[in-house]
C-alpha atoms as a PDB file:
ATOM      1  CA  ASN A   1     -85.548 -51.734 -33.519  1.00  0.00           C
ATOM      2  CA  LEU A   2     -82.792 -52.402 -31.236  1.00  0.00           C
ATOM      3  CA  PRO A   3     -83.283 -52.960 -27.325  1.00  0.00           C
ATOM      4  CA  CYS A   4     -81.501 -49.604 -26.477  1.00  0.00           C
ATOM      5  CA  HIS A   5     -83.347 -49.473 -23.097  1.00  0.00           C
ATOM      6  CA  ASN A   6     -81.302 -52.956 -21.841  1.00  0.00           C
ATOM      7  CA  ILE A   7     -77.980 -51.899 -23.460  1.00  0.00           C
ATOM      8  CA  MET A   8     -77.814 -48.526 -21.971  1.00  0.00           C
ATOM      9  CA  LYS A   9     -78.074 -49.982 -18.608  1.00  0.00           C
ATOM     10  CA  ARG A  10     -74.322 -51.366 -18.622  1.00  0.00           C
ATOM     11  CA  PRO A  11     -71.298 -49.098 -18.477  1.00  0.00           C
ATOM     12  CA  PHE A  12     -71.050 -46.660 -21.503  1.00  0.00           C
ATOM     13  CA  ASN A  13     -68.126 -48.331 -23.098  1.00  0.00           C
ATOM     14  CA  THR A  14     -69.711 -51.644 -23.297  1.00  0.00           C
ATOM     15  CA  ALA A  15     -72.919 -50.419 -24.071  1.00  0.00           C
ATOM     16  CA  LEU A  16     -71.286 -48.857 -27.208  1.00  0.00           C
ATOM     17  CA  SER A  17     -69.481 -51.979 -28.268  1.00  0.00           C
ATOM     18  CA  VAL A  18     -72.586 -53.982 -28.071  1.00  0.00           C
ATOM     19  CA  TRP A  19     -74.447 -51.452 -29.933  1.00  0.00           C
ATOM     20  CA  LEU A  20     -71.802 -51.412 -32.805  1.00  0.00           C
ATOM     21  CA  SER A  21     -71.874 -55.253 -32.712  1.00  0.00           C
ATOM     22  CA  VAL A  22     -75.367 -55.376 -33.437  1.00  0.00           C
ATOM     23  CA  CYS A  23     -75.368 -53.221 -36.230  1.00  0.00           C
ATOM     24  CA  LEU A  24     -72.731 -54.533 -38.101  1.00  0.00           C
ATOM     25  CA  LEU A  25     -74.473 -58.257 -37.819  1.00  0.00           C
ATOM     26  CA  SER A  26     -77.816 -56.368 -38.943  1.00  0.00           C
ATOM     27  CA  THR A  27     -75.770 -54.933 -41.868  1.00  0.00           C
ATOM     28  CA  SER A  28     -74.077 -58.342 -42.562  1.00  0.00           C
ATOM     29  CA  ILE A  29     -77.424 -60.112 -42.596  1.00  0.00           C
ATOM     30  CA  GLN A  30     -79.020 -57.721 -45.183  1.00  0.00           C
ATOM     31  CA  LYS A  31     -75.918 -57.549 -47.333  1.00  0.00           C
ATOM     32  CA  PHE A  32     -75.089 -61.220 -47.204  1.00  0.00           C
ATOM     33  CA  PRO A  33     -77.912 -63.699 -47.693  1.00  0.00           C
ATOM     34  CA  SER A  34     -76.004 -66.577 -47.740  1.00  0.00           C
ATOM     35  CA  PHE A  35     -74.347 -65.423 -44.241  1.00  0.00           C
ATOM     36  CA  ALA A  36     -77.816 -65.763 -42.832  1.00  0.00           C
ATOM     37  CA  HIS A  37     -78.099 -68.963 -44.129  1.00  0.00           C
ATOM     38  CA  ALA A  38     -74.804 -69.773 -43.017  1.00  0.00           C
ATOM     39  CA  LEU A  39     -75.556 -69.192 -39.419  1.00  0.00           C
ATOM     40  CA  SER A  40     -78.782 -71.311 -39.783  1.00  0.00           C
ATOM     41  CA  SER A  41     -77.043 -74.264 -41.586  1.00  0.00           C
ATOM     42  CA  SER A  42     -75.115 -76.881 -39.579  1.00  0.00           C
ATOM     43  CA  SER A  43     -73.031 -77.471 -42.753  1.00  0.00           C
ATOM     44  CA  PRO A  44     -71.928 -74.282 -44.332  1.00  0.00           C
ATOM     45  CA  ASN A  45     -70.847 -74.806 -47.971  1.00  0.00           C
ATOM     46  CA  THR A  46     -67.692 -73.342 -49.579  1.00  0.00           C
ATOM     47  CA  ASN A  47     -69.292 -70.241 -50.809  1.00  0.00           C
ATOM     48  CA  SER A  48     -71.063 -69.567 -47.666  1.00  0.00           C
ATOM     49  CA  ARG A  49     -67.736 -69.624 -45.877  1.00  0.00           C
ATOM     50  CA  ARG A  50     -66.201 -67.296 -48.375  1.00  0.00           C
ATOM     51  CA  ASP A  51     -69.248 -64.954 -48.075  1.00  0.00           C
ATOM     52  CA  PHE A  52     -68.316 -65.106 -44.300  1.00  0.00           C
ATOM     53  CA  VAL A  53     -64.885 -64.431 -44.990  1.00  0.00           C
ATOM     54  CA  SER A  54     -65.988 -61.319 -47.197  1.00  0.00           C
ATOM     55  CA  MET A  55     -68.255 -59.962 -44.363  1.00  0.00           C
ATOM     56  CA  VAL A  56     -65.996 -60.246 -41.665  1.00  0.00           C
ATOM     57  CA  SER A  57     -63.102 -58.350 -43.630  1.00  0.00           C
ATOM     58  CA  SER A  58     -66.119 -55.686 -45.080  1.00  0.00           C
ATOM     59  CA  SER A  59     -66.957 -55.309 -41.433  1.00  0.00           C
ATOM     60  CA  ALA A  60     -63.520 -54.577 -40.261  1.00  0.00           C
ATOM     61  CA  ALA A  61     -63.043 -52.214 -42.467  1.00  0.00           C
ATOM     62  CA  ILE A  62     -66.138 -50.387 -41.705  1.00  0.00           C
ATOM     63  CA  VAL A  63     -65.456 -50.207 -37.976  1.00  0.00           C
ATOM     64  CA  GLY A  64     -61.947 -48.602 -38.739  1.00  0.00           C
ATOM     65  CA  ILE A  65     -63.314 -46.263 -40.997  1.00  0.00           C
ATOM     66  CA  SER A  66     -65.913 -45.164 -38.592  1.00  0.00           C
ATOM     67  CA  ALA A  67     -63.959 -45.194 -35.578  1.00  0.00           C
ATOM     68  CA  THR A  68     -61.575 -43.155 -37.237  1.00  0.00           C
ATOM     69  CA  ALA A  69     -63.799 -40.940 -39.040  1.00  0.00           C
ATOM     70  CA  SER A  70     -65.875 -40.331 -36.056  1.00  0.00           C
ATOM     71  CA  PRO A  71     -63.688 -38.680 -33.302  1.00  0.00           C
ATOM     72  CA  TRP A  72     -66.807 -38.895 -31.152  1.00  0.00           C
ATOM     73  CA  ILE A  73     -66.549 -42.708 -31.370  1.00  0.00           C
ATOM     74  CA  ALA A  74     -62.747 -43.016 -31.510  1.00  0.00           C
ATOM     75  CA  ASN A  75     -62.418 -40.906 -28.240  1.00  0.00           C
ATOM     76  CA  ALA A  76     -66.064 -42.539 -26.693  1.00  0.00           C
ATOM     77  CA  ALA A  77     -64.179 -45.771 -25.362  1.00  0.00           C
ATOM     78  CA  MET A  78     -60.939 -43.845 -24.114  1.00  0.00           C
ATOM     79  CA  PRO A  79     -61.374 -42.641 -20.376  1.00  0.00           C
ATOM     80  CA  MET A  80     -61.815 -38.823 -19.856  1.00  0.00           C
ATOM     81  CA  PRO A  81     -58.791 -37.713 -18.020  1.00  0.00           C
ATOM     82  CA  LEU A  82     -58.849 -36.642 -14.656  1.00  0.00           C
ATOM     83  CA  PRO A  83     -58.054 -32.970 -13.759  1.00  0.00           C
ATOM     84  CA  ASN A  84     -54.583 -31.744 -12.352  1.00  0.00           C
ATOM     85  CA  THR A  85     -55.448 -31.617  -8.784  1.00  0.00           C
ATOM     86  CA  GLU A  86     -51.752 -31.912  -7.612  1.00  0.00           C
ATOM     87  CA  PRO A  87     -51.054 -29.216  -4.992  1.00  0.00           C
ATOM     88  CA  ARG A  88     -48.147 -26.578  -5.886  1.00  0.00           C
ATOM     89  CA  ASN A  89     -47.036 -27.083  -2.201  1.00  0.00           C
ATOM     90  CA  VAL A  90     -44.756 -30.450  -3.307  1.00  0.00           C
ATOM     91  CA  ASP A  91     -41.302 -30.490  -4.206  1.00  0.00           C
ATOM     92  CA  VAL A  92     -40.685 -31.689  -7.776  1.00  0.00           C
ATOM     93  CA  GLY A  93     -37.441 -32.701  -8.707  1.00  0.00           C
ATOM     94  CA  GLY A  94     -34.815 -29.808  -8.023  1.00  0.00           C
ATOM     95  CA  GLY A  95     -37.626 -27.162  -7.902  1.00  0.00           C
ATOM     96  CA  PHE A  96     -39.404 -25.211  -4.473  1.00  0.00           C
ATOM     97  CA  ASP A  97     -42.602 -23.719  -4.626  1.00  0.00           C
ATOM     98  CA  LEU A  98     -42.077 -20.101  -3.157  1.00  0.00           C
ATOM     99  CA  LEU A  99     -45.867 -19.242  -3.458  1.00  0.00           C
ATOM    100  CA  ARG A 100     -46.539 -21.709  -0.665  1.00  0.00           C
ATOM    101  CA  ALA A 101     -46.884 -20.433   2.791  1.00  0.00           C
ATOM    102  CA  ALA A 102     -44.077 -21.619   5.176  1.00  0.00           C
ATOM    103  CA  SER A 103     -46.793 -23.236   7.708  1.00  0.00           C
ATOM    104  CA  THR A 104     -47.857 -25.372   4.566  1.00  0.00           C
ATOM    105  CA  THR A 105     -44.378 -26.208   3.734  1.00  0.00           C
ATOM    106  CA  ASN A 106     -43.149 -28.731   6.384  1.00  0.00           C
ATOM    107  CA  ASN A 107     -43.106 -28.839  10.314  1.00  0.00           C
ATOM    108  CA  MET A 108     -40.230 -26.466  10.397  1.00  0.00           C
ATOM    109  CA  PRO A 109     -38.698 -25.041  13.853  1.00  0.00           C
ATOM    110  CA  PHE A 110     -40.348 -21.750  14.818  1.00  0.00           C
ATOM    111  CA  ASP A 111     -36.832 -20.378  14.491  1.00  0.00           C
ATOM    112  CA  VAL A 112     -33.451 -21.310  14.904  1.00  0.00           C
ATOM    113  CA  LEU A 113     -32.161 -21.722  18.700  1.00  0.00           C
ATOM    114  CA  TYR A 114     -28.738 -20.559  19.554  1.00  0.00           C
ATOM    115  CA  PRO A 115     -27.058 -21.121  23.449  1.00  0.00           C
ATOM    116  CA  PRO A 116     -28.612 -19.454  26.038  1.00  0.00           C
ATOM    117  CA  SER A 117     -24.778 -18.146  27.174  1.00  0.00           C
ATOM    118  CA  MET A 118     -25.246 -15.947  23.925  1.00  0.00           C
ATOM    119  CA  GLU A 119     -27.773 -13.835  25.065  1.00  0.00           C
ATOM    120  CA  GLY A 120     -26.911 -10.145  24.552  1.00  0.00           C
ATOM    121  CA  LEU A 121     -24.732  -8.052  22.257  1.00  0.00           C
ATOM    122  CA  TRP A 122     -22.019  -9.591  19.902  1.00  0.00           C
ATOM    123  CA  VAL A 123     -19.460  -8.005  17.698  1.00  0.00           C
ATOM    124  CA  CYS A 124     -19.763  -9.935  14.233  1.00  0.00           C
ATOM    125  CA  SER A 125     -16.894 -10.217  11.916  1.00  0.00           C
ATOM    126  CA  ARG A 126     -17.922 -11.699   8.262  1.00  0.00           C
ATOM    127  CA  ILE A 127     -15.075 -12.231   6.174  1.00  0.00           C
ATOM    128  CA  PRO A 128     -16.005 -13.675   2.744  1.00  0.00           C
ATOM    129  CA  THR A 129     -13.417 -16.470   1.476  1.00  0.00           C
ATOM    130  CA  SER A 130     -14.667 -17.304  -1.731  1.00  0.00           C
ATOM    131  CA  VAL A 131     -17.415 -16.317  -4.691  1.00  0.00           C
ATOM    132  CA  GLU A 132     -18.265 -18.755  -7.215  1.00  0.00           C
ATOM    133  CA  GLY A 133     -20.710 -18.336  -9.990  1.00  0.00           C
ATOM    134  CA  ASP A 134     -22.540 -15.059 -11.530  1.00  0.00           C
ATOM    135  CA  LEU A 135     -21.063 -12.430  -9.935  1.00  0.00           C
ATOM    136  CA  PHE A 136     -24.132 -10.338 -10.319  1.00  0.00           C
ATOM    137  CA  GLN A 137     -26.325 -12.407  -8.465  1.00  0.00           C
ATOM    138  CA  ALA A 138     -24.139 -13.312  -5.659  1.00  0.00           C
ATOM    139  CA  GLN A 139     -23.737  -9.127  -5.072  1.00  0.00           C
ATOM    140  CA  GLU A 140     -27.782  -8.597  -5.286  1.00  0.00           C
ATOM    141  CA  VAL A 141     -28.235 -11.457  -2.854  1.00  0.00           C
ATOM    142  CA  TRP A 142     -25.662 -10.395  -0.510  1.00  0.00           C
ATOM    143  CA  LYS A 143     -26.931  -6.926  -0.651  1.00  0.00           C
ATOM    144  CA  ALA A 144     -30.415  -7.932   0.091  1.00  0.00           C
ATOM    145  CA  LEU A 145     -29.694 -10.212   3.002  1.00  0.00           C
ATOM    146  CA  GLY A 146     -28.062  -6.604   4.480  1.00  0.00           C
ATOM    147  CA  GLY A 147     -24.709  -6.652   3.185  1.00  0.00           C
ATOM    148  CA  ILE A 148     -22.634  -4.569   0.781  1.00  0.00           C
ATOM    149  CA  GLY A 149     -22.520  -5.776  -2.463  1.00  0.00           C
ATOM    150  CA  SER A 150     -19.732  -4.284  -3.551  1.00  0.00           C
ATOM    151  CA  SER A 151     -17.495  -6.108  -1.073  1.00  0.00           C
ATOM    152  CA  LEU A 152     -17.703  -9.481  -3.195  1.00  0.00           C
ATOM    153  CA  ALA A 153     -15.388 -10.271  -5.884  1.00  0.00           C
ATOM    154  CA  LEU A 154     -14.919 -13.313  -7.896  1.00  0.00           C
ATOM    155  CA  THR A 155     -12.411 -15.647  -6.447  1.00  0.00           C
ATOM    156  CA  THR A 156      -9.585 -15.943  -9.009  1.00  0.00           C
ATOM    157  CA  THR A 157      -6.672 -18.662  -9.191  1.00  0.00           C
ATOM    158  CA  ASN A 158      -3.025 -17.326 -10.158  1.00  0.00           C
ATOM    159  CA  SER A 159      -0.641 -19.341 -12.337  1.00  0.00           C
ATOM    160  CA  LYS A 160       0.484 -21.035  -9.095  1.00  0.00           C
ATOM    161  CA  GLY A 161      -2.542 -22.571  -8.126  1.00  0.00           C
ATOM    162  CA  THR A 162      -3.182 -19.996  -5.568  1.00  0.00           C
ATOM    163  CA  ASN A 163      -6.489 -18.254  -4.768  1.00  0.00           C
ATOM    164  CA  THR A 164      -6.818 -14.463  -4.508  1.00  0.00           C
ATOM    165  CA  ASN A 165      -9.516 -13.332  -2.488  1.00  0.00           C
ATOM    166  CA  ASN A 166     -10.204 -10.009  -3.089  1.00  0.00           C
ATOM    167  CA  ASN A 167     -13.161  -9.775  -0.920  1.00  0.00           C
ATOM    168  CA  LYS A 168     -13.742  -6.937   2.066  1.00  0.00           C
ATOM    169  CA  PRO A 169     -14.692  -8.100   5.304  1.00  0.00           C
ATOM    170  CA  GLU A 170     -17.635  -6.683   7.531  1.00  0.00           C
ATOM    171  CA  THR A 171     -17.950  -6.267  11.091  1.00  0.00           C
ATOM    172  CA  TYR A 172     -21.388  -4.810  12.641  1.00  0.00           C
ATOM    173  CA  LEU A 173     -22.946  -5.319  16.323  1.00  0.00           C
ATOM    174  CA  THR A 174     -25.555  -8.128  16.301  1.00  0.00           C
ATOM    175  CA  ARG A 175     -27.683  -9.654  19.248  1.00  0.00           C
ATOM    176  CA  PHE A 176     -29.486 -12.334  20.894  1.00  0.00           C
ATOM    177  CA  LEU A 177     -33.141 -12.489  22.836  1.00  0.00           C
ATOM    178  CA  LYS A 178     -34.718 -14.745  24.615  1.00  0.00           C
ATOM    179  CA  PRO A 179     -37.575 -16.550  22.397  1.00  0.00           C
ATOM    180  CA  VAL A 180     -41.210 -15.931  23.063  1.00  0.00           C
ATOM    181  CA  GLN A 181     -42.065 -19.357  22.493  1.00  0.00           C
ATOM    182  CA  PRO A 182     -42.542 -21.451  25.553  1.00  0.00           C
ATOM    183  CA  ASP A 183     -40.919 -24.430  24.221  1.00  0.00           C
ATOM    184  CA  MET A 184     -38.205 -22.573  23.105  1.00  0.00           C
ATOM    185  CA  GLN A 185     -36.813 -21.142  26.682  1.00  0.00           C
ATOM    186  CA  ALA A 186     -33.698 -23.707  26.502  1.00  0.00           C
ATOM    187  CA  GLY A 187     -31.990 -21.002  24.295  1.00  0.00           C
ATOM    188  CA  VAL A 188     -31.949 -17.699  22.638  1.00  0.00           C
ATOM    189  CA  VAL A 189     -33.009 -16.463  19.049  1.00  0.00           C
ATOM    190  CA  ASN A 190     -31.223 -13.966  16.725  1.00  0.00           C
ATOM    191  CA  ASP A 191     -32.617 -10.576  16.284  1.00  0.00           C
ATOM    192  CA  ARG A 192     -32.762 -10.471  12.808  1.00  0.00           C
ATOM    193  CA  GLY A 193     -34.216  -6.899  12.451  1.00  0.00           C
ATOM    194  CA  PHE A 194     -31.354  -5.617  14.712  1.00  0.00           C
ATOM    195  CA  GLU A 195     -28.786  -7.649  12.819  1.00  0.00           C
ATOM    196  CA  LEU A 196     -29.869  -6.449   9.204  1.00  0.00           C
ATOM    197  CA  LEU A 197     -30.069  -2.783  10.308  1.00  0.00           C
ATOM    198  CA  GLN A 198     -26.562  -2.867  11.742  1.00  0.00           C
ATOM    199  CA  ARG A 199     -25.313  -4.222   8.431  1.00  0.00           C
ATOM    200  CA  ARG A 200     -26.972  -2.000   6.284  1.00  0.00           C
ATOM    201  CA  LYS A 201     -25.621   1.352   8.200  1.00  0.00           C
ATOM    202  CA  GLN A 202     -22.365   0.403   6.762  1.00  0.00           C
ATOM    203  CA  SER A 203     -23.678   1.199   2.998  1.00  0.00           C
ATOM    204  CA  SER A 204     -22.556   4.794   1.941  1.00  0.00           C
ATOM    205  CA  GLN A 205     -25.304   4.587  -0.556  1.00  0.00           C
ATOM    206  CA  GLU A 206     -27.994   5.262   1.863  1.00  0.00           C
ATOM    207  CA  ALA A 207     -28.319   8.839   3.750  1.00  0.00           C
ATOM    208  CA  LEU A 208     -30.886   7.273   6.321  1.00  0.00           C
ATOM    209  CA  PRO A 209     -31.165   4.033   7.929  1.00  0.00           C
ATOM    210  CA  PRO A 210     -33.980   1.462   6.603  1.00  0.00           C
ATOM    211  CA  GLN A 211     -37.080   1.216   8.189  1.00  0.00           C
ATOM    212  CA  VAL A 212     -36.682  -2.502   9.473  1.00  0.00           C
ATOM    213  CA  THR A 213     -39.805  -4.476  10.344  1.00  0.00           C
ATOM    214  CA  TRP A 214     -39.504  -7.793  12.709  1.00  0.00           C
ATOM    215  CA  THR A 215     -40.757  -9.332  15.712  1.00  0.00           C
ATOM    216  CA  ALA A 216     -39.623 -12.542  17.809  1.00  0.00           C
ATOM    217  CA  ASP A 217     -43.175 -13.595  17.589  1.00  0.00           C
ATOM    218  CA  GLN A 218     -43.303 -13.629  13.442  1.00  0.00           C
ATOM    219  CA  PRO A 219     -39.419 -14.540  13.083  1.00  0.00           C
ATOM    220  CA  ASN A 220     -39.918 -15.600   9.245  1.00  0.00           C
ATOM    221  CA  ALA A 221     -40.904 -12.618   8.012  1.00  0.00           C
ATOM    222  CA  LEU A 222     -38.562  -9.287   7.747  1.00  0.00           C
ATOM    223  CA  LYS A 223     -39.183  -6.216   5.876  1.00  0.00           C
ATOM    224  CA  TYR A 224     -36.991  -2.959   5.506  1.00  0.00           C
ATOM    225  CA  SER A 225     -37.307   0.010   3.262  1.00  0.00           C
ATOM    226  CA  ILE A 226     -34.650   0.569   0.308  1.00  0.00           C
ATOM    227  CA  ASN A 227     -33.114   3.865  -1.431  1.00  0.00           C
ATOM    228  CA  ASN A 228     -34.370   6.216   1.321  1.00  0.00           C
ATOM    229  CA  SER A 229     -37.950   5.130   0.217  1.00  0.00           C
ATOM    230  CA  ASN A 230     -41.001   4.885   2.071  1.00  0.00           C
ATOM    231  CA  ASP A 231     -42.932   2.871  -0.286  1.00  0.00           C
ATOM    232  CA  LYS A 232     -40.338   0.591  -1.790  1.00  0.00           C
ATOM    233  CA  PHE A 233     -39.011  -2.560   0.489  1.00  0.00           C
ATOM    234  CA  ILE A 234     -37.396  -5.775   0.518  1.00  0.00           C
ATOM    235  CA  THR A 235     -39.238  -8.523   2.085  1.00  0.00           C
ATOM    236  CA  LEU A 236     -37.532 -11.833   3.263  1.00  0.00           C
ATOM    237  CA  THR A 237     -39.811 -14.789   4.105  1.00  0.00           C
ATOM    238  CA  VAL A 238     -38.287 -18.022   5.374  1.00  0.00           C
ATOM    239  CA  LYS A 239     -39.913 -20.835   3.599  1.00  0.00           C
ATOM    240  CA  SER A 240     -38.147 -23.742   4.717  1.00  0.00           C
ATOM    241  CA  ARG A 241     -35.788 -24.238   7.737  1.00  0.00           C
ATOM    242  CA  THR A 242     -33.861 -27.089   9.451  1.00  0.00           C
ATOM    243  CA  VAL A 243     -31.947 -26.909  12.745  1.00  0.00           C
ATOM    244  CA  GLU A 244     -29.184 -28.513  14.357  1.00  0.00           C
ATOM    245  CA  LEU A 245     -29.933 -27.729  18.282  1.00  0.00           C
ATOM    246  CA  PRO A 246     -26.760 -26.850  20.336  1.00  0.00           C
ATOM    247  CA  LEU A 247     -25.179 -29.680  22.046  1.00  0.00           C
ATOM    248  CA  GLU A 248     -22.799 -29.547  24.986  1.00  0.00           C
ATOM    249  CA  THR A 249     -21.082 -32.691  23.941  1.00  0.00           C
ATOM    250  CA  THR A 250     -19.702 -31.243  20.620  1.00  0.00           C
ATOM    251  CA  GLY A 251     -20.662 -27.320  21.060  1.00  0.00           C
ATOM    252  CA  GLY A 252     -21.577 -27.545  17.448  1.00  0.00           C
ATOM    253  CA  PHE A 253     -24.768 -26.054  16.020  1.00  0.00           C
ATOM    254  CA  GLY A 254     -26.513 -24.504  13.057  1.00  0.00           C
ATOM    255  CA  PHE A 255     -29.069 -24.146  10.675  1.00  0.00           C
ATOM    256  CA  ASN A 256     -30.416 -24.297   6.942  1.00  0.00           C
ATOM    257  CA  GLU A 257     -32.799 -21.890   5.562  1.00  0.00           C
ATOM    258  CA  LEU A 258     -34.452 -21.332   2.137  1.00  0.00           C
ATOM    259  CA  ILE A 259     -35.514 -17.321   2.065  1.00  0.00           C
ATOM    260  CA  CYS A 260     -37.897 -15.947  -0.555  1.00  0.00           C
ATOM    261  CA  ILE A 261     -36.353 -12.353  -1.511  1.00  0.00           C
ATOM    262  CA  GLU A 262     -39.046 -10.224  -3.010  1.00  0.00           C
ATOM    263  CA  GLU A 263     -37.979  -6.561  -3.985  1.00  0.00           C
ATOM    264  CA  ASP A 264     -39.980  -3.440  -4.969  1.00  0.00           C
ATOM    265  CA  ARG A 265     -38.672  -2.112  -8.545  1.00  0.00           C
ATOM    266  CA  GLU A 266     -39.401   1.006 -10.283  1.00  0.00           C
ATOM    267  CA  GLY A 267     -40.641   1.042 -13.567  1.00  0.00           C
ATOM    268  CA  GLY A 268     -43.596  -1.404 -13.335  1.00  0.00           C
ATOM    269  CA  LEU A 269     -42.822  -5.339 -14.367  1.00  0.00           C
ATOM    270  CA  VAL A 270     -39.364  -6.311 -14.492  1.00  0.00           C
ATOM    271  CA  SER A 271     -37.480  -9.557 -15.260  1.00  0.00           C
ATOM    272  CA  LEU A 272     -33.849  -9.586 -14.520  1.00  0.00           C
ATOM    273  CA  ALA A 273     -31.238 -12.457 -14.615  1.00  0.00           C
ATOM    274  CA  GLY A 274     -31.725 -14.781 -11.899  1.00  0.00           C
ATOM    275  CA  GLY A 275     -35.078 -13.392 -10.795  1.00  0.00           C
ATOM    276  CA  SER A 276     -38.789 -13.460 -12.094  1.00  0.00           C
ATOM    277  CA  SER A 277     -41.743 -10.757 -11.558  1.00  0.00           C
ATOM    278  CA  ASN A 278     -44.802 -12.043  -9.314  1.00  0.00           C
ATOM    279  CA  GLY A 279     -47.208 -10.299 -11.364  1.00  0.00           C
ATOM    280  CA  SER A 280     -46.480  -7.053  -9.645  1.00  0.00           C
ATOM    281  CA  ASN A 281     -43.708  -4.744  -9.653  1.00  0.00           C
ATOM    282  CA  LYS A 282     -41.680  -7.223  -7.202  1.00  0.00           C
ATOM    283  CA  LEU A 283     -38.619  -8.858  -8.239  1.00  0.00           C
ATOM    284  CA  VAL A 284     -38.288 -12.526  -6.799  1.00  0.00           C
ATOM    285  CA  ARG A 285     -35.092 -13.954  -5.995  1.00  0.00           C
ATOM    286  CA  ALA A 286     -34.304 -17.176  -3.811  1.00  0.00           C
ATOM    287  CA  ALA A 287     -31.482 -17.650  -1.326  1.00  0.00           C
ATOM    288  CA  GLN A 288     -30.260 -20.749   0.891  1.00  0.00           C
ATOM    289  CA  ILE A 289     -28.409 -20.026   3.789  1.00  0.00           C
ATOM    290  CA  LYS A 290     -26.198 -22.304   5.840  1.00  0.00           C
ATOM    291  CA  ARG A 291     -24.549 -21.651   8.855  1.00  0.00           C
ATOM    292  CA  ARG A 292     -22.754 -24.228  11.119  1.00  0.00           C
ATOM    293  CA  PHE A 293     -21.214 -22.472  14.690  1.00  0.00           C
ATOM    294  CA  ARG A 294     -18.954 -23.518  17.204  1.00  0.00           C
ATOM    295  CA  ARG A 295     -18.127 -22.299  20.742  1.00  0.00           C
ATOM    296  CA  SER A 296     -14.556 -21.808  22.017  1.00  0.00           C
ATOM    297  CA  PHE A 297     -12.080 -19.190  23.929  1.00  0.00           C
ATOM    298  CA  ASP A 298      -9.387 -16.982  22.764  1.00  0.00           C
ATOM    299  CA  GLU A 299      -6.082 -16.516  23.880  1.00  0.00           C
ATOM    300  CA  GLN A 300      -7.363 -14.383  27.087  1.00  0.00           C
ATOM    301  CA  GLY A 301     -10.122 -17.068  27.856  1.00  0.00           C
ATOM    302  CA  ASN A 302     -12.773 -14.746  26.949  1.00  0.00           C
ATOM    303  CA  ARG A 303     -15.969 -16.867  25.098  1.00  0.00           C
ATOM    304  CA  VAL A 304     -16.008 -16.686  20.757  1.00  0.00           C
ATOM    305  CA  VAL A 305     -18.192 -18.306  18.866  1.00  0.00           C
ATOM    306  CA  GLU A 306     -16.932 -19.293  15.636  1.00  0.00           C
ATOM    307  CA  GLY A 307     -18.908 -20.501  12.200  1.00  0.00           C
ATOM    308  CA  LEU A 308     -18.937 -21.169   8.408  1.00  0.00           C
ATOM    309  CA  GLU A 309     -21.741 -19.892   6.090  1.00  0.00           C
ATOM    310  CA  ILE A 310     -22.526 -20.584   2.562  1.00  0.00           C
ATOM    311  CA  ILE A 311     -24.873 -18.541   0.795  1.00  0.00           C
ATOM    312  CA  LYS A 312     -26.253 -19.939  -2.495  1.00  0.00           C
ATOM    313  CA  SER A 313     -28.405 -17.729  -5.099  1.00  0.00           C
ATOM    314  CA  TYR A 314     -31.213 -19.753  -7.481  1.00  0.00           C
ATOM    315  CA  ARG A 315     -33.222 -18.788 -10.420  1.00  0.00           C
ATOM    316  CA  VAL A 316     -36.897 -18.101  -9.958  1.00  0.00           C
ATOM    317  CA  LEU A 317     -39.566 -19.036 -12.715  1.00  0.00           C
ATOM    318  CA  ASP A 318     -43.061 -18.555 -12.203  1.00  0.00           C
ATOM    319  CA  GLY A 319     -42.791 -18.674  -8.283  1.00  0.00           C
ATOM    320  CA  VAL A 320     -40.557 -21.796  -8.198  1.00  0.00           C
ATOM    321  CA  ALA A 321     -36.966 -21.688  -7.142  1.00  0.00           C
ATOM    322  CA  GLY A 322     -34.531 -24.050  -9.152  1.00  0.00           C
ATOM    323  CA  THR A 323     -32.742 -25.278  -6.235  1.00  0.00           C
ATOM    324  CA  GLU A 324     -30.946 -27.872  -7.969  1.00  0.00           C
ATOM    325  CA  PHE A 325     -28.712 -25.662  -9.650  1.00  0.00           C
ATOM    326  CA  PRO A 326     -27.133 -22.481  -7.884  1.00  0.00           C
ATOM    327  CA  THR A 327     -26.575 -19.217  -9.867  1.00  0.00           C
ATOM    328  CA  SER A 328     -23.759 -18.196  -7.140  1.00  0.00           C
ATOM    329  CA  THR A 329     -22.399 -19.423  -3.963  1.00  0.00           C
ATOM    330  CA  VAL A 330     -20.566 -16.982  -1.794  1.00  0.00           C
ATOM    331  CA  LYS A 331     -18.366 -19.009   1.324  1.00  0.00           C
ATOM    332  CA  SER A 332     -17.525 -16.934   4.618  1.00  0.00           C
ATOM    333  CA  GLN A 333     -16.199 -17.078   8.005  1.00  0.00           C
ATOM    334  CA  LEU A 334     -17.805 -16.062  10.844  1.00  0.00           C
ATOM    335  CA  ARG A 335     -16.526 -14.936  14.134  1.00  0.00           C
ATOM    336  CA  PHE A 336     -18.411 -13.512  17.438  1.00  0.00           C
ATOM    337  CA  VAL A 337     -16.906 -11.958  20.291  1.00  0.00           C
ATOM    338  CA  ARG A 338     -18.357  -9.799  23.080  1.00  0.00           C
ATOM    339  CA  PRO A 339     -17.960  -5.788  22.631  1.00  0.00           C
ATOM    340  CA  PRO A 340     -15.376  -4.016  24.443  1.00  0.00           C
ATOM    341  CA  PRO A 341     -16.969  -2.512  27.795  1.00  0.00           C
ATOM    342  CA  ALA A 342     -18.203   0.931  27.729  1.00  0.00           C
END
């Protein structure tokens, strides 16, 4: 009978080791009487030493066989792995989790702040200068953001090394409003809903203007109807944003946003190249928009705002956008001028 009540008071791994040692010692004494004699003798003879070595070898073999044959014993000394408690709202490598709420992403600014002099109506001219990568992905993201997908064409290079730009420019109205946030009164914000409505009006594929839902107090979410339907929509959600505030010294300002694009599709679940289904009948894409502006004057002394825009599309798998390698890149020139007086 083993004094197990004292052993089990120790940590589990230690108790198991002691228990095995006692069992081996008891077995060795029974099988090798000379070993017991060797333990009690101060001058063991040669045969006892041989028996001792044989016993140790046999015991080691028994331990190895037992540990291998019994998964419980082999795994008992190994600590249990802890469950994976790492939250999804952590950037891993070149990926970005689109399923997390924007409020938990980071302490991103409430909205993009433009100079107060831009308040009111403007005419925006957008000229795509180059399209690289997957043309289909570039066109799909371009359309989802309000543009005409057919206006984009891949940039080609002729035999002389000159780039050929076959992209069509866009011209539409946009406007800037006073923000609703008390801490943003130093500038104005873009009316994203108004701008998207004006851009979508250029599309000949839609007989009716889309229904657009956007408010200045919730600027990170925009939703609009597609294909003249009242039950199919595209939702644009800003998941990450950095802002370069306007400075009077340099006149430059801009922003960098990562947008989740969710599009309702017909026919149930779909999975197209560059997008992924989120478990419903929605197709999910990701786009990064970078814009950098500067203020200047034209030849007549009128205020103009010029800028550069880069739009990158990314593949989405299981709600994670692969932001390390874009599927397409579209670069454009922007120019804002005041509309002519009525």
